[in-house]
């Protein structure tokens, strides 16, 4: 299936990878619900900001896991198939995440 003539790409992840990622996302979801509760309880700004910082670190950690998997699997597979355009994609990813 295509959207605006752009093919939809997929990454096939091993079940253990999916489980780890979903567990991390579930923890982040719990952290966000905790912050919503803190706001509803008029908790002190410093306490809320500390929790937001923890979520930020969790997101960055998950980003790193996904980037590592992407390079080890997707990028390597593309290079082995002769698709060197993947290198430009990786450069763009690093530019996006370094801003």
PDB file of N, CA and C in Angstrom:
ATOM      1  N   UNK A   1       0.843  -1.175   0.000  1.00  0.00           N
ATOM      2  CA  UNK A   1       0.000   0.000   0.000  1.00  0.00           C
ATOM      3  C   UNK A   1       0.890   1.239   0.000  1.00  0.00           C
ATOM      4  N   UNK A   2       0.474   2.260  -0.713  1.00  0.00           N
ATOM      5  CA  UNK A   2       1.265   3.478  -0.805  1.00  0.00           C
ATOM      6  C   UNK A   2       0.444   4.667  -0.353  1.00  0.00           C
ATOM      7  N   UNK A   3       1.135   5.667   0.143  1.00  0.00           N
ATOM      8  CA  UNK A   3       0.517   6.908   0.562  1.00  0.00           C
ATOM      9  C   UNK A   3       1.232   8.025  -0.179  1.00  0.00           C
ATOM     10  N   UNK A   4       0.509   8.726  -1.053  1.00  0.00           N
ATOM     11  CA  UNK A   4       1.108   9.798  -1.867  1.00  0.00           C
ATOM     12  C   UNK A   4       2.289   9.269  -2.676  1.00  0.00           C
ATOM     13  N   UNK A   5       2.157   8.080  -3.208  1.00  0.00           N
ATOM     14  CA  UNK A   5       3.180   7.439  -4.031  1.00  0.00           C
ATOM     15  C   UNK A   5       4.481   7.145  -3.292  1.00  0.00           C
ATOM     16  N   UNK A   6       4.447   7.182  -1.964  1.00  0.00           N
ATOM     17  CA  UNK A   6       5.608   6.820  -1.170  1.00  0.00           C
ATOM     18  C   UNK A   6       5.340   5.435  -0.587  1.00  0.00           C
ATOM     19  N   UNK A   7       6.196   4.472  -0.899  1.00  0.00           N
ATOM     20  CA  UNK A   7       5.945   3.125  -0.367  1.00  0.00           C
ATOM     21  C   UNK A   7       6.069   3.103   1.155  1.00  0.00           C
ATOM     22  N   UNK A   8       5.207   2.336   1.779  1.00  0.00           N
ATOM     23  CA  UNK A   8       5.259   2.177   3.223  1.00  0.00           C
ATOM     24  C   UNK A   8       6.331   1.144   3.536  1.00  0.00           C
ATOM     25  N   UNK A   9       7.301   1.554   4.316  1.00  0.00           N
ATOM     26  CA  UNK A   9       8.390   0.659   4.678  1.00  0.00           C
ATOM     27  C   UNK A   9       8.092   0.031   6.034  1.00  0.00           C
ATOM     28  N   UNK A  10       8.625  -1.148   6.249  1.00  0.00           N
ATOM     29  CA  UNK A  10       8.416  -1.840   7.506  1.00  0.00           C
ATOM     30  C   UNK A  10       9.740  -2.337   8.050  1.00  0.00           C
ATOM     31  N   UNK A  11       9.786  -2.469   9.348  1.00  0.00           N
ATOM     32  CA  UNK A  11      10.902  -3.111  10.019  1.00  0.00           C
ATOM     33  C   UNK A  11      10.337  -4.323  10.732  1.00  0.00           C
ATOM     34  N   UNK A  12      10.798  -5.482  10.353  1.00  0.00           N
ATOM     35  CA  UNK A  12      10.372  -6.705  11.013  1.00  0.00           C
ATOM     36  C   UNK A  12      11.258  -6.888  12.248  1.00  0.00           C
ATOM     37  N   UNK A  13      10.633  -6.814  13.418  1.00  0.00           N
ATOM     38  CA  UNK A  13      11.366  -6.961  14.669  1.00  0.00           C
ATOM     39  C   UNK A  13      11.109  -8.333  15.257  1.00  0.00           C
ATOM     40  N   UNK A  14      12.118  -8.866  15.924  1.00  0.00           N
ATOM     41  CA  UNK A  14      11.956 -10.132  16.627  1.00  0.00           C
ATOM     42  C   UNK A  14      10.990  -9.912  17.791  1.00  0.00           C
ATOM     43  N   UNK A  15      10.302 -10.959  18.175  1.00  0.00           N
ATOM     44  CA  UNK A  15       9.311 -10.840  19.251  1.00  0.00           C
ATOM     45  C   UNK A  15       9.931 -10.318  20.550  1.00  0.00           C
ATOM     46  N   UNK A  16      11.154 -10.745  20.862  1.00  0.00           N
ATOM     47  CA  UNK A  16      11.785 -10.254  22.092  1.00  0.00           C
ATOM     48  C   UNK A  16      12.084  -8.759  22.003  1.00  0.00           C
ATOM     49  N   UNK A  17      12.446  -8.284  20.806  1.00  0.00           N
ATOM     50  CA  UNK A  17      12.675  -6.838  20.616  1.00  0.00           C
ATOM     51  C   UNK A  17      11.373  -6.075  20.817  1.00  0.00           C
ATOM     52  N   UNK A  18      10.289  -6.561  20.199  1.00  0.00           N
ATOM     53  CA  UNK A  18       8.992  -5.896  20.343  1.00  0.00           C
ATOM     54  C   UNK A  18       8.579  -5.833  21.810  1.00  0.00           C
ATOM     55  N   UNK A  19       8.764  -6.950  22.508  1.00  0.00           N
ATOM     56  CA  UNK A  19       8.361  -7.016  23.916  1.00  0.00           C
ATOM     57  C   UNK A  19       9.125  -5.994  24.747  1.00  0.00           C
ATOM     58  N   UNK A  20      10.438  -5.888  24.542  1.00  0.00           N
ATOM     59  CA  UNK A  20      11.245  -4.922  25.290  1.00  0.00           C
ATOM     60  C   UNK A  20      10.814  -3.485  24.996  1.00  0.00           C
ATOM     61  N   UNK A  21      10.576  -3.192  23.723  1.00  0.00           N
ATOM     62  CA  UNK A  21      10.164  -1.836  23.337  1.00  0.00           C
ATOM     63  C   UNK A  21       8.799  -1.509  23.931  1.00  0.00           C
ATOM     64  N   UNK A  22       7.869  -2.441  23.825  1.00  0.00           N
ATOM     65  CA  UNK A  22       6.518  -2.207  24.354  1.00  0.00           C
ATOM     66  C   UNK A  22       6.556  -2.047  25.876  1.00  0.00           C
ATOM     67  N   UNK A  23       7.384  -2.828  26.555  1.00  0.00           N
ATOM     68  CA  UNK A  23       7.519  -2.670  28.011  1.00  0.00           C
ATOM     69  C   UNK A  23       8.021  -1.281  28.368  1.00  0.00           C
ATOM     70  N   UNK A  24       9.010  -0.793  27.619  1.00  0.00           N
ATOM     71  CA  UNK A  24       9.523   0.566  27.862  1.00  0.00           C
ATOM     72  C   UNK A  24       8.425   1.605  27.623  1.00  0.00           C
ATOM     73  N   UNK A  25       7.681   1.442  26.543  1.00  0.00           N
ATOM     74  CA  UNK A  25       6.601   2.385  26.243  1.00  0.00           C
ATOM     75  C   UNK A  25       5.522   2.357  27.328  1.00  0.00           C
ATOM     76  N   UNK A  26       5.229   1.175  27.836  1.00  0.00           N
ATOM     77  CA  UNK A  26       4.240   1.068  28.911  1.00  0.00           C
ATOM     78  C   UNK A  26       4.717   1.792  30.172  1.00  0.00           C
ATOM     79  N   UNK A  27       6.015   1.686  30.484  1.00  0.00           N
ATOM     80  CA  UNK A  27       6.555   2.409  31.640  1.00  0.00           C
ATOM     81  C   UNK A  27       6.431   3.919  31.431  1.00  0.00           C
ATOM     82  N   UNK A  28       6.750   4.372  30.194  1.00  0.00           N
ATOM     83  CA  UNK A  28       6.635   5.805  29.899  1.00  0.00           C
ATOM     84  C   UNK A  28       5.186   6.265  30.023  1.00  0.00           C
ATOM     85  N   UNK A  29       4.281   5.447  29.549  1.00  0.00           N
ATOM     86  CA  UNK A  29       2.861   5.779  29.656  1.00  0.00           C
ATOM     87  C   UNK A  29       2.462   5.925  31.124  1.00  0.00           C
ATOM     88  N   UNK A  30       2.976   5.034  31.975  1.00  0.00           N
ATOM     89  CA  UNK A  30       2.715   5.132  33.409  1.00  0.00           C
ATOM     90  C   UNK A  30       3.293   6.404  33.997  1.00  0.00           C
ATOM     91  N   UNK A  31       4.492   6.782  33.540  1.00  0.00           N
ATOM     92  CA  UNK A  31       5.102   8.026  34.017  1.00  0.00           C
ATOM     93  C   UNK A  31       4.254   9.229  33.627  1.00  0.00           C
ATOM     94  N   UNK A  32       3.743   9.220  32.416  1.00  0.00           N
ATOM     95  CA  UNK A  32       2.911  10.342  31.955  1.00  0.00           C
ATOM     96  C   UNK A  32       1.619  10.420  32.768  1.00  0.00           C
ATOM     97  N   UNK A  33       1.015   9.272  33.031  1.00  0.00           N
ATOM     98  CA  UNK A  33      -0.201   9.270  33.859  1.00  0.00           C
ATOM     99  C   UNK A  33       0.109   9.805  35.253  1.00  0.00           C
ATOM    100  N   UNK A  34       1.296   9.458  35.762  1.00  0.00           N
ATOM    101  CA  UNK A  34       1.705   9.968  37.069  1.00  0.00           C
ATOM    102  C   UNK A  34       1.836  11.486  37.065  1.00  0.00           C
ATOM    103  N   UNK A  35       2.369  12.023  35.981  1.00  0.00           N
ATOM    104  CA  UNK A  35       2.507  13.484  35.881  1.00  0.00           C
ATOM    105  C   UNK A  35       1.136  14.146  35.792  1.00  0.00           C
ATOM    106  N   UNK A  36       0.225  13.542  35.040  1.00  0.00           N
ATOM    107  CA  UNK A  36      -1.142  14.090  34.972  1.00  0.00           C
ATOM    108  C   UNK A  36      -1.749  14.157  36.372  1.00  0.00           C
ATOM    109  N   UNK A  37      -1.530  13.101  37.135  1.00  0.00           N
ATOM    110  CA  UNK A  37      -2.052  13.065  38.506  1.00  0.00           C
ATOM    111  C   UNK A  37      -1.400  14.154  39.347  1.00  0.00           C
ATOM    112  N   UNK A  38      -0.090  14.322  39.181  1.00  0.00           N
ATOM    113  CA  UNK A  38       0.620  15.355  39.932  1.00  0.00           C
ATOM    114  C   UNK A  38       0.055  16.739  39.630  1.00  0.00           C
ATOM    115  N   UNK A  39      -0.231  16.996  38.364  1.00  0.00           N
ATOM    116  CA  UNK A  39      -0.803  18.299  37.972  1.00  0.00           C
ATOM    117  C   UNK A  39      -2.172  18.465  38.620  1.00  0.00           C
ATOM    118  N   UNK A  40      -2.975  17.408  38.572  1.00  0.00           N
ATOM    119  CA  UNK A  40      -4.305  17.460  39.194  1.00  0.00           C
ATOM    120  C   UNK A  40      -4.240  17.692  40.697  1.00  0.00           C
ATOM    121  N   UNK A  41      -3.159  17.246  41.306  1.00  0.00           N
ATOM    122  CA  UNK A  41      -2.985  17.411  42.754  1.00  0.00           C
ATOM    123  C   UNK A  41      -2.223  18.688  43.108  1.00  0.00           C
ATOM    124  N   UNK A  42      -1.956  19.528  42.091  1.00  0.00           N
ATOM    125  CA  UNK A  42      -1.231  20.792  42.295  1.00  0.00           C
ATOM    126  C   UNK A  42       0.145  20.580  42.930  1.00  0.00           C
ATOM    127  N   UNK A  43       0.838  19.544  42.483  1.00  0.00           N
ATOM    128  CA  UNK A  43       2.166  19.263  43.020  1.00  0.00           C
ATOM    129  C   UNK A  43       3.140  20.363  42.611  1.00  0.00           C
ATOM    130  N   UNK A  44       4.164  20.509  43.380  1.00  0.00           N
ATOM    131  CA  UNK A  44       5.176  21.540  43.206  1.00  0.00           C
ATOM    132  C   UNK A  44       5.863  21.381  41.844  1.00  0.00           C
ATOM    133  N   UNK A  45       6.118  22.505  41.176  1.00  0.00           N
ATOM    134  CA  UNK A  45       6.702  22.501  39.823  1.00  0.00           C
ATOM    135  C   UNK A  45       7.989  21.684  39.746  1.00  0.00           C
ATOM    136  N   UNK A  46       8.846  21.837  40.752  1.00  0.00           N
ATOM    137  CA  UNK A  46      10.122  21.126  40.753  1.00  0.00           C
ATOM    138  C   UNK A  46       9.903  19.613  40.677  1.00  0.00           C
ATOM    139  N   UNK A  47       8.927  19.108  41.420  1.00  0.00           N
ATOM    140  CA  UNK A  47       8.629  17.674  41.404  1.00  0.00           C
ATOM    141  C   UNK A  47       8.149  17.225  40.020  1.00  0.00           C
ATOM    142  N   UNK A  48       7.314  18.038  39.401  1.00  0.00           N
ATOM    143  CA  UNK A  48       6.805  17.722  38.059  1.00  0.00           C
ATOM    144  C   UNK A  48       7.947  17.736  37.053  1.00  0.00           C
ATOM    145  N   UNK A  49       8.801  18.743  37.145  1.00  0.00           N
ATOM    146  CA  UNK A  49       9.926  18.852  36.216  1.00  0.00           C
ATOM    147  C   UNK A  49      10.888  17.674  36.354  1.00  0.00           C
ATOM    148  N   UNK A  50      11.096  17.192  37.554  1.00  0.00           N
ATOM    149  CA  UNK A  50      11.954  16.023  37.759  1.00  0.00           C
ATOM    150  C   UNK A  50      11.361  14.805  37.049  1.00  0.00           C
ATOM    151  N   UNK A  51      10.066  14.642  37.150  1.00  0.00           N
ATOM    152  CA  UNK A  51       9.414  13.513  36.471  1.00  0.00           C
ATOM    153  C   UNK A  51       9.459  13.677  34.954  1.00  0.00           C
ATOM    154  N   UNK A  52       9.299  14.906  34.466  1.00  0.00           N
ATOM    155  CA  UNK A  52       9.414  15.153  33.026  1.00  0.00           C
ATOM    156  C   UNK A  52      10.824  14.833  32.534  1.00  0.00           C
ATOM    157  N   UNK A  53      11.813  15.154  33.332  1.00  0.00           N
ATOM    158  CA  UNK A  53      13.196  14.845  32.981  1.00  0.00           C
ATOM    159  C   UNK A  53      13.397  13.330  32.903  1.00  0.00           C
ATOM    160  N   UNK A  54      12.779  12.600  33.805  1.00  0.00           N
ATOM    161  CA  UNK A  54      12.887  11.138  33.781  1.00  0.00           C
ATOM    162  C   UNK A  54      12.268  10.567  32.503  1.00  0.00           C
ATOM    163  N   UNK A  55      11.139  11.114  32.086  1.00  0.00           N
ATOM    164  CA  UNK A  55      10.506  10.666  30.837  1.00  0.00           C
ATOM    165  C   UNK A  55      11.398  10.998  29.648  1.00  0.00           C
ATOM    166  N   UNK A  56      11.975  12.188  29.656  1.00  0.00           N
ATOM    167  CA  UNK A  56      12.874  12.591  28.577  1.00  0.00           C
ATOM    168  C   UNK A  56      14.034  11.609  28.456  1.00  0.00           C
ATOM    169  N   UNK A  57      14.613  11.225  29.580  1.00  0.00           N
ATOM    170  CA  UNK A  57      15.720  10.268  29.563  1.00  0.00           C
ATOM    171  C   UNK A  57      15.249   8.906  29.064  1.00  0.00           C
ATOM    172  N   UNK A  58      14.047   8.510  29.445  1.00  0.00           N
ATOM    173  CA  UNK A  58      13.494   7.234  28.971  1.00  0.00           C
ATOM    174  C   UNK A  58      13.308   7.243  27.459  1.00  0.00           C
ATOM    175  N   UNK A  59      12.819   8.344  26.938  1.00  0.00           N
ATOM    176  CA  UNK A  59      12.614   8.469  25.490  1.00  0.00           C
ATOM    177  C   UNK A  59      13.953   8.422  24.764  1.00  0.00           C
ATOM    178  N   UNK A  60      14.923   9.160  25.260  1.00  0.00           N
ATOM    179  CA  UNK A  60      16.247   9.161  24.622  1.00  0.00           C
ATOM    180  C   UNK A  60      16.878   7.771  24.656  1.00  0.00           C
ATOM    181  N   UNK A  61      16.696   7.058  25.740  1.00  0.00           N
ATOM    182  CA  UNK A  61      17.230   5.704  25.850  1.00  0.00           C
ATOM    183  C   UNK A  61      16.568   4.785  24.827  1.00  0.00           C
ATOM    184  N   UNK A  62      15.248   4.892  24.685  1.00  0.00           N
ATOM    185  CA  UNK A  62      14.539   4.080  23.695  1.00  0.00           C
ATOM    186  C   UNK A  62      14.953   4.465  22.282  1.00  0.00           C
ATOM    187  N   UNK A  63      15.125   5.759  22.028  1.00  0.00           N
ATOM    188  CA  UNK A  63      15.616   6.205  20.713  1.00  0.00           C
ATOM    189  C   UNK A  63      16.943   5.530  20.388  1.00  0.00           C
ATOM    190  N   UNK A  64      17.844   5.492  21.371  1.00  0.00           N
ATOM    191  CA  UNK A  64      19.149   4.875  21.147  1.00  0.00           C
ATOM    192  C   UNK A  64      19.033   3.391  20.828  1.00  0.00           C
ATOM    193  N   UNK A  65      18.160   2.693  21.527  1.00  0.00           N
ATOM    194  CA  UNK A  65      17.951   1.262  21.255  1.00  0.00           C
ATOM    195  C   UNK A  65      17.452   1.067  19.833  1.00  0.00           C
ATOM    196  N   UNK A  66      16.495   1.860  19.417  1.00  0.00           N
ATOM    197  CA  UNK A  66      15.915   1.712  18.076  1.00  0.00           C
ATOM    198  C   UNK A  66      16.931   2.102  17.008  1.00  0.00           C
ATOM    199  N   UNK A  67      17.706   3.147  17.248  1.00  0.00           N
ATOM    200  CA  UNK A  67      18.744   3.540  16.288  1.00  0.00           C
ATOM    201  C   UNK A  67      19.786   2.430  16.162  1.00  0.00           C
ATOM    202  N   UNK A  68      20.211   1.863  17.286  1.00  0.00           N
ATOM    203  CA  UNK A  68      21.183   0.769  17.246  1.00  0.00           C
ATOM    204  C   UNK A  68      20.647  -0.412  16.435  1.00  0.00           C
ATOM    205  N   UNK A  69      19.400  -0.795  16.709  1.00  0.00           N
ATOM    206  CA  UNK A  69      18.790  -1.898  15.952  1.00  0.00           C
ATOM    207  C   UNK A  69      18.697  -1.555  14.473  1.00  0.00           C
ATOM    208  N   UNK A  70      18.355  -0.311  14.179  1.00  0.00           N
ATOM    209  CA  UNK A  70      18.220   0.128  12.788  1.00  0.00           C
ATOM    210  C   UNK A  70      19.552  -0.033  12.055  1.00  0.00           C
ATOM    211  N   UNK A  71      20.623   0.416  12.685  1.00  0.00           N
ATOM    212  CA  UNK A  71      21.937   0.326  12.045  1.00  0.00           C
ATOM    213  C   UNK A  71      22.372  -1.130  11.909  1.00  0.00           C
ATOM    214  N   UNK A  72      22.198  -1.906  12.970  1.00  0.00           N
ATOM    215  CA  UNK A  72      22.653  -3.298  12.964  1.00  0.00           C
ATOM    216  C   UNK A  72      21.847  -4.179  12.012  1.00  0.00           C
ATOM    217  N   UNK A  73      20.601  -3.846  11.778  1.00  0.00           N
ATOM    218  CA  UNK A  73      19.767  -4.708  10.949  1.00  0.00           C
ATOM    219  C   UNK A  73      19.377  -4.050   9.630  1.00  0.00           C
ATOM    220  N   UNK A  74      18.602  -2.987   9.700  1.00  0.00           N
ATOM    221  CA  UNK A  74      18.068  -2.367   8.478  1.00  0.00           C
ATOM    222  C   UNK A  74      19.181  -1.819   7.588  1.00  0.00           C
ATOM    223  N   UNK A  75      20.066  -1.023   8.181  1.00  0.00           N
ATOM    224  CA  UNK A  75      21.129  -0.397   7.394  1.00  0.00           C
ATOM    225  C   UNK A  75      22.057  -1.456   6.822  1.00  0.00           C
ATOM    226  N   UNK A  76      22.468  -2.396   7.657  1.00  0.00           N
ATOM    227  CA  UNK A  76      23.359  -3.457   7.193  1.00  0.00           C
ATOM    228  C   UNK A  76      22.726  -4.249   6.054  1.00  0.00           C
ATOM    229  N   UNK A  77      21.454  -4.614   6.203  1.00  0.00           N
ATOM    230  CA  UNK A  77      20.761  -5.363   5.139  1.00  0.00           C
ATOM    231  C   UNK A  77      20.700  -4.565   3.836  1.00  0.00           C
ATOM    232  N   UNK A  78      20.429  -3.277   3.941  1.00  0.00           N
ATOM    233  CA  UNK A  78      20.368  -2.435   2.744  1.00  0.00           C
ATOM    234  C   UNK A  78      21.725  -2.341   2.064  1.00  0.00           C
ATOM    235  N   UNK A  79      22.774  -2.168   2.840  1.00  0.00           N
ATOM    236  CA  UNK A  79      24.119  -2.084   2.263  1.00  0.00           C
ATOM    237  C   UNK A  79      24.485  -3.404   1.596  1.00  0.00           C
ATOM    238  N   UNK A  80      24.161  -4.519   2.250  1.00  0.00           N
ATOM    239  CA  UNK A  80      24.453  -5.830   1.660  1.00  0.00           C
ATOM    240  C   UNK A  80      23.714  -6.034   0.338  1.00  0.00           C
ATOM    241  N   UNK A  81      22.527  -5.413   0.202  1.00  0.00           N
ATOM    242  CA  UNK A  81      21.759  -5.515  -1.049  1.00  0.00           C
ATOM    243  C   UNK A  81      22.184  -4.459  -2.063  1.00  0.00           C
ATOM    244  N   UNK A  82      23.182  -3.645  -1.716  1.00  0.00           N
ATOM    245  CA  UNK A  82      23.685  -2.652  -2.654  1.00  0.00           C
ATOM    246  C   UNK A  82      22.973  -1.320  -2.612  1.00  0.00           C
ATOM    247  N   UNK A  83      22.059  -1.137  -1.670  1.00  0.00           N
ATOM    248  CA  UNK A  83      21.341   0.130  -1.546  1.00  0.00           C
ATOM    249  C   UNK A  83      22.155   1.082  -0.679  1.00  0.00           C
ATOM    250  N   UNK A  84      23.013   1.848  -1.312  1.00  0.00           N
ATOM    251  CA  UNK A  84      23.867   2.777  -0.571  1.00  0.00           C
ATOM    252  C   UNK A  84      23.153   4.082  -0.228  1.00  0.00           C
ATOM    253  N   UNK A  85      21.941   4.279  -0.762  1.00  0.00           N
ATOM    254  CA  UNK A  85      21.149   5.466  -0.404  1.00  0.00           C
ATOM    255  C   UNK A  85      20.805   5.452   1.083  1.00  0.00           C
ATOM    256  N   UNK A  86      20.855   4.277   1.689  1.00  0.00           N
ATOM    257  CA  UNK A  86      20.554   4.160   3.110  1.00  0.00           C
ATOM    258  C   UNK A  86      21.518   5.007   3.939  1.00  0.00           C
ATOM    259  N   UNK A  87      22.716   5.230   3.437  1.00  0.00           N
ATOM    260  CA  UNK A  87      23.698   6.039   4.163  1.00  0.00           C
ATOM    261  C   UNK A  87      23.194   7.473   4.308  1.00  0.00           C
ATOM    262  N   UNK A  88      22.593   8.017   3.245  1.00  0.00           N
ATOM    263  CA  UNK A  88      22.013   9.362   3.326  1.00  0.00           C
ATOM    264  C   UNK A  88      20.890   9.407   4.361  1.00  0.00           C
ATOM    265  N   UNK A  89      20.110   8.331   4.429  1.00  0.00           N
ATOM    266  CA  UNK A  89      19.026   8.258   5.414  1.00  0.00           C
ATOM    267  C   UNK A  89      19.596   8.312   6.831  1.00  0.00           C
ATOM    268  N   UNK A  90      20.659   7.572   7.070  1.00  0.00           N
ATOM    269  CA  UNK A  90      21.281   7.559   8.394  1.00  0.00           C
ATOM    270  C   UNK A  90      21.847   8.932   8.739  1.00  0.00           C
ATOM    271  N   UNK A  91      22.469   9.584   7.776  1.00  0.00           N
ATOM    272  CA  UNK A  91      23.001  10.935   8.008  1.00  0.00           C
ATOM    273  C   UNK A  91      21.862  11.870   8.410  1.00  0.00           C
ATOM    274  N   UNK A  92      20.732  11.786   7.706  1.00  0.00           N
ATOM    275  CA  UNK A  92      19.586  12.633   8.042  1.00  0.00           C
ATOM    276  C   UNK A  92      19.057  12.333   9.443  1.00  0.00           C
ATOM    277  N   UNK A  93      19.050  11.058   9.813  1.00  0.00           N
ATOM    278  CA  UNK A  93      18.620  10.682  11.169  1.00  0.00           C
ATOM    279  C   UNK A  93      19.508  11.341  12.211  1.00  0.00           C
ATOM    280  N   UNK A  94      20.819  11.236  12.013  1.00  0.00           N
ATOM    281  CA  UNK A  94      21.731  11.834  12.976  1.00  0.00           C
ATOM    282  C   UNK A  94      21.573  13.345  13.030  1.00  0.00           C
ATOM    283  N   UNK A  95      21.325  13.971  11.917  1.00  0.00           N
ATOM    284  CA  UNK A  95      21.087  15.423  11.921  1.00  0.00           C
ATOM    285  C   UNK A  95      19.821  15.764  12.716  1.00  0.00           C
ATOM    286  N   UNK A  96      18.785  14.962  12.527  1.00  0.00           N
ATOM    287  CA  UNK A  96      17.520  15.204  13.220  1.00  0.00           C
ATOM    288  C   UNK A  96      17.695  15.033  14.719  1.00  0.00           C
ATOM    289  N   UNK A  97      18.426  14.021  15.147  1.00  0.00           N
ATOM    290  CA  UNK A  97      18.561  13.753  16.568  1.00  0.00           C
ATOM    291  C   UNK A  97      19.628  14.599  17.240  1.00  0.00           C
ATOM    292  N   UNK A  98      20.481  15.245  16.481  1.00  0.00           N
ATOM    293  CA  UNK A  98      21.499  16.086  17.103  1.00  0.00           C
ATOM    294  C   UNK A  98      21.020  17.516  17.278  1.00  0.00           C
ATOM    295  N   UNK A  99      19.859  17.847  16.753  1.00  0.00           N
ATOM    296  CA  UNK A  99      19.329  19.227  16.883  1.00  0.00           C
ATOM    297  C   UNK A  99      18.608  19.415  18.188  1.00  0.00           C
TER     298      UNK A  99
END
